[in-house]
Amino acid sequence: MFPSFWEAFEKVLNQHVVLPKIVVDEVNKSDEFKEWLEQNFNGEYLNHKDYAEEWGQVIQHIAQHSCYSDKALIDPRSWTHEKIADGWLIAIAKKDGLTIVTNELAKRDLNAQNPSKEVKNPDIAKDFGIKCITMNEFFQEIGFKL
């Protein structure tokens, strides 16, 4: 719908974005977007398995965290499942000193008295000292304008 955005975003993607293959696989449900990405991304996808040690540390952190219930580890969409990208994102950002761009919000009432069954990227990113920003903040940081 917005061809000028996608033309400009191609430059942003190739200059400022690191794409782990697992993220592409998880979010890439649209054949149209998959085709656009194949035509416009010039880099190589990161192999998330190169970050297995850090991923294990992330999962261990969640397991030992008093604010998360056991369901945070056993739910079908939990980070313990190898094909779920979230834990890998934290591991990659941790090891490579990267910023995570997400519109996911931190859980406001995260506490040990009522452990959460759901883990959010901004919460775990904070625990590991990883910067986590929204898409709009990312665009602002890189000076992206149309």
N, C-alpha and C. Protein backbone atom coordinates (compact mmCIF):
# COMPACT_ATOMS: atom_id res chain seq x y z
N MET A 1 0.81 -1.21 0.00
CA MET A 1 0.00 0.00 0.00
C MET A 1 0.85 1.27 0.00
N PHE A 2 2.05 1.20 0.56
CA PHE A 2 2.89 2.38 0.69
C PHE A 2 4.24 2.14 0.02
N PRO A 3 4.28 2.19 -1.32
CA PRO A 3 5.53 1.84 -2.02
C PRO A 3 6.72 2.70 -1.62
N SER A 4 6.50 3.97 -1.33
CA SER A 4 7.64 4.82 -0.96
C SER A 4 8.25 4.38 0.38
N PHE A 5 7.41 3.90 1.30
CA PHE A 5 7.92 3.39 2.56
C PHE A 5 8.80 2.17 2.31
N TRP A 6 8.31 1.22 1.54
CA TRP A 6 9.05 -0.02 1.31
C TRP A 6 10.34 0.21 0.54
N GLU A 7 10.34 1.18 -0.35
CA GLU A 7 11.58 1.53 -1.05
C GLU A 7 12.60 2.09 -0.06
N ALA A 8 12.16 2.97 0.80
CA ALA A 8 13.06 3.56 1.81
C ALA A 8 13.46 2.53 2.85
N PHE A 9 12.53 1.64 3.22
CA PHE A 9 12.82 0.64 4.24
C PHE A 9 13.87 -0.36 3.77
N GLU A 10 13.96 -0.59 2.48
CA GLU A 10 14.99 -1.49 1.96
C GLU A 10 16.38 -1.00 2.38
N LYS A 11 16.61 0.29 2.30
CA LYS A 11 17.91 0.86 2.71
C LYS A 11 18.12 0.69 4.22
N VAL A 12 17.09 0.94 4.99
CA VAL A 12 17.16 0.78 6.45
C VAL A 12 17.49 -0.67 6.78
N LEU A 13 16.79 -1.58 6.16
CA LEU A 13 16.98 -3.00 6.41
C LEU A 13 18.43 -3.41 6.16
N ASN A 14 18.98 -2.97 5.07
CA ASN A 14 20.32 -3.39 4.69
C ASN A 14 21.43 -2.64 5.41
N GLN A 15 21.14 -1.49 5.99
CA GLN A 15 22.16 -0.71 6.69
C GLN A 15 22.11 -0.84 8.21
N HIS A 16 20.93 -1.15 8.76
CA HIS A 16 20.77 -1.05 10.22
C HIS A 16 20.19 -2.28 10.91
N VAL A 17 19.84 -3.32 10.16
CA VAL A 17 19.11 -4.43 10.75
C VAL A 17 19.90 -5.73 10.63
N VAL A 18 19.93 -6.48 11.73
CA VAL A 18 20.49 -7.82 11.76
C VAL A 18 19.29 -8.77 11.81
N LEU A 19 19.25 -9.71 10.89
CA LEU A 19 18.11 -10.63 10.83
C LEU A 19 18.53 -12.06 11.14
N PRO A 20 18.12 -12.56 12.30
CA PRO A 20 18.33 -13.98 12.57
C PRO A 20 17.34 -14.80 11.74
N LYS A 21 17.79 -15.89 11.20
CA LYS A 21 16.94 -16.76 10.37
C LYS A 21 15.70 -17.21 11.14
N ILE A 22 15.84 -17.51 12.41
CA ILE A 22 14.70 -17.96 13.20
C ILE A 22 13.60 -16.91 13.28
N VAL A 23 13.97 -15.65 13.31
CA VAL A 23 12.97 -14.57 13.35
C VAL A 23 12.24 -14.51 12.01
N VAL A 24 12.99 -14.59 10.95
CA VAL A 24 12.39 -14.57 9.61
C VAL A 24 11.41 -15.73 9.47
N ASP A 25 11.82 -16.91 9.91
CA ASP A 25 10.96 -18.09 9.81
C ASP A 25 9.70 -17.96 10.67
N GLU A 26 9.85 -17.39 11.86
CA GLU A 26 8.70 -17.29 12.78
C GLU A 26 7.68 -16.24 12.33
N VAL A 27 8.15 -15.10 11.87
CA VAL A 27 7.22 -14.02 11.54
C VAL A 27 6.81 -13.99 10.09
N ASN A 28 7.44 -14.79 9.29
CA ASN A 28 7.23 -14.73 7.86
C ASN A 28 6.07 -15.62 7.42
N LYS A 29 4.86 -15.22 7.74
CA LYS A 29 3.68 -15.99 7.36
C LYS A 29 3.11 -15.53 6.02
N SER A 30 3.51 -14.38 5.57
CA SER A 30 3.00 -13.81 4.33
C SER A 30 3.93 -14.13 3.16
N ASP A 31 3.40 -14.78 2.14
CA ASP A 31 4.21 -15.08 0.96
C ASP A 31 4.69 -13.80 0.28
N GLU A 32 3.85 -12.78 0.31
CA GLU A 32 4.22 -11.50 -0.29
C GLU A 32 5.41 -10.87 0.43
N PHE A 33 5.40 -10.89 1.76
CA PHE A 33 6.52 -10.33 2.51
C PHE A 33 7.77 -11.18 2.33
N LYS A 34 7.61 -12.49 2.33
CA LYS A 34 8.75 -13.39 2.12
C LYS A 34 9.42 -13.09 0.78
N GLU A 35 8.63 -12.91 -0.24
CA GLU A 35 9.17 -12.58 -1.56
C GLU A 35 9.86 -11.22 -1.54
N TRP A 36 9.26 -10.23 -0.87
CA TRP A 36 9.87 -8.90 -0.78
C TRP A 36 11.22 -9.00 -0.07
N LEU A 37 11.25 -9.74 1.02
CA LEU A 37 12.49 -9.89 1.79
C LEU A 37 13.57 -10.56 0.94
N GLU A 38 13.21 -11.62 0.23
CA GLU A 38 14.17 -12.31 -0.62
C GLU A 38 14.75 -11.38 -1.70
N GLN A 39 13.93 -10.48 -2.19
CA GLN A 39 14.36 -9.57 -3.25
C GLN A 39 15.14 -8.37 -2.72
N ASN A 40 14.93 -8.01 -1.47
CA ASN A 40 15.47 -6.75 -0.98
C ASN A 40 16.51 -6.84 0.13
N PHE A 41 16.60 -7.96 0.81
CA PHE A 41 17.60 -8.10 1.87
C PHE A 41 18.89 -8.62 1.26
N ASN A 42 19.95 -7.85 1.37
CA ASN A 42 21.23 -8.19 0.74
C ASN A 42 22.17 -8.94 1.67
N GLY A 43 21.87 -8.96 2.95
CA GLY A 43 22.77 -9.59 3.91
C GLY A 43 22.51 -11.07 4.07
N GLU A 44 23.21 -11.66 5.02
CA GLU A 44 22.99 -13.06 5.37
C GLU A 44 22.26 -13.12 6.69
N TYR A 45 21.39 -14.09 6.81
CA TYR A 45 20.68 -14.29 8.06
C TYR A 45 21.64 -14.88 9.09
N LEU A 46 21.52 -14.39 10.33
CA LEU A 46 22.32 -14.97 11.41
C LEU A 46 21.82 -16.38 11.71
N ASN A 47 22.73 -17.26 11.99
CA ASN A 47 22.37 -18.61 12.41
C ASN A 47 22.21 -18.60 13.93
N HIS A 48 20.98 -18.70 14.39
CA HIS A 48 20.71 -18.61 15.82
C HIS A 48 21.41 -19.69 16.62
N LYS A 49 21.69 -20.82 16.01
CA LYS A 49 22.32 -21.92 16.74
C LYS A 49 23.76 -21.60 17.16
N ASP A 50 24.33 -20.57 16.56
CA ASP A 50 25.66 -20.10 16.97
C ASP A 50 25.60 -19.45 18.36
N TYR A 51 24.39 -19.25 18.87
CA TYR A 51 24.19 -18.56 20.15
C TYR A 51 23.56 -19.50 21.18
N ALA A 52 23.77 -20.81 21.00
CA ALA A 52 23.13 -21.81 21.87
C ALA A 52 23.52 -21.65 23.34
N GLU A 53 24.78 -21.33 23.60
CA GLU A 53 25.22 -21.18 25.00
C GLU A 53 24.48 -20.01 25.66
N GLU A 54 24.38 -18.89 24.97
CA GLU A 54 23.67 -17.72 25.51
C GLU A 54 22.18 -18.01 25.65
N TRP A 55 21.61 -18.74 24.69
CA TRP A 55 20.20 -19.11 24.76
C TRP A 55 19.95 -19.94 26.02
N GLY A 56 20.84 -20.87 26.30
CA GLY A 56 20.72 -21.68 27.52
C GLY A 56 20.76 -20.82 28.77
N GLN A 57 21.59 -19.78 28.77
CA GLN A 57 21.67 -18.87 29.91
C GLN A 57 20.36 -18.10 30.08
N VAL A 58 19.75 -17.72 28.96
CA VAL A 58 18.46 -17.01 29.01
C VAL A 58 17.38 -17.92 29.59
N ILE A 59 17.32 -19.14 29.11
CA ILE A 59 16.31 -20.09 29.60
C ILE A 59 16.55 -20.38 31.09
N GLN A 60 17.79 -20.56 31.48
CA GLN A 60 18.12 -20.79 32.89
C GLN A 60 17.70 -19.59 33.75
N HIS A 61 17.91 -18.40 33.24
CA HIS A 61 17.53 -17.18 33.95
C HIS A 61 16.01 -17.16 34.21
N ILE A 62 15.25 -17.51 33.20
CA ILE A 62 13.78 -17.54 33.35
C ILE A 62 13.39 -18.62 34.36
N ALA A 63 14.03 -19.78 34.27
CA ALA A 63 13.72 -20.89 35.18
C ALA A 63 13.98 -20.53 36.64
N GLN A 64 15.00 -19.74 36.89
CA GLN A 64 15.37 -19.37 38.26
C GLN A 64 14.72 -18.07 38.73
N HIS A 65 14.05 -17.37 37.84
CA HIS A 65 13.47 -16.06 38.16
C HIS A 65 12.19 -16.24 38.98
N SER A 66 12.11 -15.58 40.10
CA SER A 66 10.95 -15.73 40.99
C SER A 66 9.66 -15.14 40.41
N CYS A 67 9.77 -14.33 39.39
CA CYS A 67 8.58 -13.69 38.83
C CYS A 67 7.92 -14.50 37.72
N TYR A 68 8.46 -15.69 37.42
CA TYR A 68 7.88 -16.52 36.36
C TYR A 68 7.47 -17.87 36.92
N SER A 69 6.29 -18.31 36.54
CA SER A 69 5.80 -19.62 36.96
C SER A 69 6.37 -20.70 36.04
N ASP A 70 6.15 -21.95 36.42
CA ASP A 70 6.60 -23.06 35.59
C ASP A 70 5.97 -23.02 34.20
N LYS A 71 4.76 -22.47 34.10
CA LYS A 71 4.08 -22.38 32.80
C LYS A 71 4.88 -21.53 31.81
N ALA A 72 5.68 -20.63 32.32
CA ALA A 72 6.51 -19.81 31.43
C ALA A 72 7.52 -20.66 30.68
N LEU A 73 7.77 -21.85 31.18
CA LEU A 73 8.74 -22.76 30.54
C LEU A 73 8.10 -23.93 29.82
N ILE A 74 6.86 -24.27 30.14
CA ILE A 74 6.25 -25.46 29.55
C ILE A 74 5.13 -25.17 28.56
N ASP A 75 4.68 -23.95 28.49
CA ASP A 75 3.63 -23.58 27.54
C ASP A 75 4.10 -23.86 26.11
N PRO A 76 3.21 -24.25 25.21
CA PRO A 76 3.61 -24.52 23.83
C PRO A 76 4.29 -23.33 23.13
N ARG A 77 4.05 -22.12 23.58
CA ARG A 77 4.68 -20.94 22.99
C ARG A 77 5.81 -20.39 23.86
N SER A 78 6.28 -21.19 24.81
CA SER A 78 7.34 -20.70 25.70
C SER A 78 8.67 -20.64 24.98
N TRP A 79 9.57 -19.91 25.54
CA TRP A 79 10.89 -19.69 24.95
C TRP A 79 11.75 -20.95 24.96
N THR A 80 11.35 -21.98 25.70
CA THR A 80 12.13 -23.21 25.74
C THR A 80 12.04 -24.00 24.45
N HIS A 81 11.05 -23.70 23.64
CA HIS A 81 10.91 -24.38 22.36
C HIS A 81 11.87 -23.75 21.35
N GLU A 82 12.68 -24.57 20.75
CA GLU A 82 13.76 -24.10 19.88
C GLU A 82 13.27 -23.22 18.73
N LYS A 83 12.04 -23.40 18.27
CA LYS A 83 11.56 -22.63 17.13
C LYS A 83 10.90 -21.31 17.51
N ILE A 84 10.86 -21.00 18.79
CA ILE A 84 10.34 -19.71 19.25
C ILE A 84 11.51 -18.73 19.30
N ALA A 85 11.39 -17.63 18.60
CA ALA A 85 12.51 -16.71 18.37
C ALA A 85 12.91 -15.87 19.58
N ASP A 86 12.01 -15.59 20.50
CA ASP A 86 12.26 -14.61 21.56
C ASP A 86 13.54 -14.86 22.36
N GLY A 87 13.70 -16.06 22.87
CA GLY A 87 14.90 -16.37 23.66
C GLY A 87 16.18 -16.23 22.85
N TRP A 88 16.08 -16.59 21.58
CA TRP A 88 17.24 -16.45 20.69
C TRP A 88 17.58 -14.99 20.46
N LEU A 89 16.54 -14.15 20.34
CA LEU A 89 16.78 -12.70 20.18
C LEU A 89 17.57 -12.15 21.35
N ILE A 90 17.17 -12.52 22.55
CA ILE A 90 17.87 -12.06 23.74
C ILE A 90 19.31 -12.57 23.72
N ALA A 91 19.49 -13.85 23.38
CA ALA A 91 20.83 -14.44 23.35
C ALA A 91 21.73 -13.72 22.34
N ILE A 92 21.21 -13.44 21.16
CA ILE A 92 21.98 -12.76 20.11
C ILE A 92 22.34 -11.34 20.54
N ALA A 93 21.34 -10.62 21.05
CA ALA A 93 21.59 -9.25 21.49
C ALA A 93 22.60 -9.22 22.64
N LYS A 94 22.50 -10.18 23.53
CA LYS A 94 23.42 -10.27 24.68
C LYS A 94 24.85 -10.47 24.21
N LYS A 95 25.04 -11.44 23.34
CA LYS A 95 26.39 -11.77 22.89
C LYS A 95 27.00 -10.69 21.99
N ASP A 96 26.18 -10.13 21.10
CA ASP A 96 26.69 -9.19 20.10
C ASP A 96 26.49 -7.72 20.46
N GLY A 97 25.90 -7.45 21.62
CA GLY A 97 25.69 -6.06 22.04
C GLY A 97 24.71 -5.31 21.16
N LEU A 98 23.65 -5.97 20.73
CA LEU A 98 22.68 -5.37 19.83
C LEU A 98 21.46 -4.84 20.58
N THR A 99 20.70 -4.00 19.92
CA THR A 99 19.44 -3.48 20.43
C THR A 99 18.31 -4.30 19.83
N ILE A 100 17.30 -4.60 20.64
CA ILE A 100 16.11 -5.30 20.15
C ILE A 100 15.05 -4.27 19.84
N VAL A 101 14.46 -4.39 18.66
CA VAL A 101 13.37 -3.51 18.24
C VAL A 101 12.09 -4.33 18.28
N THR A 102 11.16 -3.89 19.12
CA THR A 102 9.89 -4.60 19.28
C THR A 102 8.82 -3.62 19.76
N ASN A 103 7.60 -3.92 19.43
CA ASN A 103 6.50 -3.13 19.98
C ASN A 103 5.87 -3.85 21.18
N GLU A 104 6.48 -4.95 21.59
CA GLU A 104 6.03 -5.67 22.77
C GLU A 104 6.31 -4.82 24.01
N LEU A 105 5.38 -4.80 24.93
CA LEU A 105 5.51 -4.00 26.14
C LEU A 105 5.93 -4.86 27.32
N ALA A 106 6.69 -4.27 28.21
CA ALA A 106 7.07 -4.95 29.45
C ALA A 106 5.81 -5.23 30.26
N LYS A 107 5.87 -6.28 31.05
CA LYS A 107 4.74 -6.62 31.91
C LYS A 107 4.79 -5.72 33.13
N ARG A 108 3.79 -4.89 33.27
CA ARG A 108 3.80 -3.86 34.31
C ARG A 108 3.71 -4.41 35.73
N ASP A 109 3.02 -5.51 35.88
CA ASP A 109 2.81 -6.04 37.23
C ASP A 109 3.64 -7.30 37.50
N LEU A 110 4.80 -7.39 36.91
CA LEU A 110 5.68 -8.54 37.11
C LEU A 110 6.17 -8.56 38.55
N ASN A 111 5.83 -9.65 39.27
CA ASN A 111 6.25 -9.75 40.68
C ASN A 111 6.25 -11.20 41.13
N ALA A 112 6.98 -11.46 42.19
CA ALA A 112 7.13 -12.82 42.71
C ALA A 112 5.87 -13.32 43.42
N GLN A 113 5.02 -12.43 43.90
CA GLN A 113 3.80 -12.84 44.59
C GLN A 113 2.78 -13.43 43.62
N ASN A 114 2.84 -13.01 42.37
CA ASN A 114 1.93 -13.50 41.35
C ASN A 114 2.75 -13.81 40.09
N PRO A 115 3.50 -14.92 40.11
CA PRO A 115 4.41 -15.22 38.99
C PRO A 115 3.68 -15.31 37.65
N SER A 116 4.30 -14.76 36.65
CA SER A 116 3.72 -14.72 35.31
C SER A 116 3.99 -16.01 34.56
N LYS A 117 3.04 -16.40 33.73
CA LYS A 117 3.25 -17.56 32.87
C LYS A 117 3.74 -17.14 31.49
N GLU A 118 3.92 -15.84 31.33
CA GLU A 118 4.30 -15.28 30.04
C GLU A 118 5.54 -14.40 30.19
N VAL A 119 6.51 -14.62 29.32
CA VAL A 119 7.76 -13.86 29.35
C VAL A 119 7.72 -12.82 28.23
N LYS A 120 8.13 -11.61 28.53
CA LYS A 120 8.16 -10.53 27.54
C LYS A 120 9.60 -10.10 27.28
N ASN A 121 9.90 -9.84 26.02
CA ASN A 121 11.25 -9.42 25.64
C ASN A 121 11.77 -8.23 26.43
N PRO A 122 11.01 -7.16 26.59
CA PRO A 122 11.57 -6.00 27.32
C PRO A 122 11.98 -6.33 28.76
N ASP A 123 11.26 -7.24 29.41
CA ASP A 123 11.59 -7.60 30.79
C ASP A 123 12.91 -8.35 30.86
N ILE A 124 13.07 -9.34 30.01
CA ILE A 124 14.31 -10.14 30.03
C ILE A 124 15.47 -9.32 29.48
N ALA A 125 15.20 -8.50 28.47
CA ALA A 125 16.26 -7.63 27.93
C ALA A 125 16.81 -6.74 29.04
N LYS A 126 15.93 -6.19 29.84
CA LYS A 126 16.36 -5.34 30.96
C LYS A 126 17.24 -6.11 31.94
N ASP A 127 16.83 -7.35 32.24
CA ASP A 127 17.61 -8.18 33.16
C ASP A 127 19.04 -8.39 32.67
N PHE A 128 19.23 -8.44 31.36
CA PHE A 128 20.55 -8.68 30.78
C PHE A 128 21.23 -7.39 30.31
N GLY A 129 20.62 -6.23 30.60
CA GLY A 129 21.22 -4.96 30.21
C GLY A 129 21.18 -4.71 28.71
N ILE A 130 20.18 -5.28 28.05
CA ILE A 130 20.02 -5.13 26.60
C ILE A 130 19.02 -4.00 26.34
N LYS A 131 19.40 -3.13 25.44
CA LYS A 131 18.50 -2.04 25.06
C LYS A 131 17.36 -2.60 24.21
N CYS A 132 16.15 -2.19 24.54
CA CYS A 132 14.94 -2.65 23.85
C CYS A 132 14.11 -1.42 23.51
N ILE A 133 13.86 -1.20 22.21
CA ILE A 133 13.14 0.00 21.78
C ILE A 133 12.00 -0.37 20.82
N THR A 134 11.09 0.58 20.64
CA THR A 134 9.99 0.38 19.70
C THR A 134 10.45 0.71 18.27
N MET A 135 9.64 0.34 17.32
CA MET A 135 9.95 0.63 15.92
C MET A 135 10.06 2.14 15.70
N ASN A 136 9.16 2.90 16.30
CA ASN A 136 9.22 4.36 16.14
C ASN A 136 10.51 4.93 16.75
N GLU A 137 10.92 4.41 17.90
CA GLU A 137 12.17 4.86 18.52
C GLU A 137 13.37 4.49 17.63
N PHE A 138 13.32 3.33 17.02
CA PHE A 138 14.36 2.90 16.09
C PHE A 138 14.44 3.87 14.92
N PHE A 139 13.30 4.17 14.31
CA PHE A 139 13.29 5.10 13.18
C PHE A 139 13.83 6.46 13.59
N GLN A 140 13.48 6.90 14.78
CA GLN A 140 13.98 8.18 15.28
C GLN A 140 15.49 8.13 15.48
N GLU A 141 15.99 7.05 16.06
CA GLU A 141 17.45 6.93 16.31
C GLU A 141 18.27 6.95 15.03
N ILE A 142 17.74 6.33 13.97
CA ILE A 142 18.53 6.29 12.72
C ILE A 142 18.20 7.45 11.79
N GLY A 143 17.26 8.31 12.21
CA GLY A 143 16.90 9.47 11.41
C GLY A 143 16.07 9.13 10.19
N PHE A 144 15.27 8.11 10.27
CA PHE A 144 14.43 7.67 9.14
C PHE A 144 13.23 8.59 9.00
N LYS A 145 13.09 9.16 7.80
CA LYS A 145 11.93 10.01 7.49
C LYS A 145 11.55 9.78 6.04
N LEU A 146 10.27 9.97 5.77
CA LEU A 146 9.77 9.90 4.39
C LEU A 146 9.40 11.27 3.91
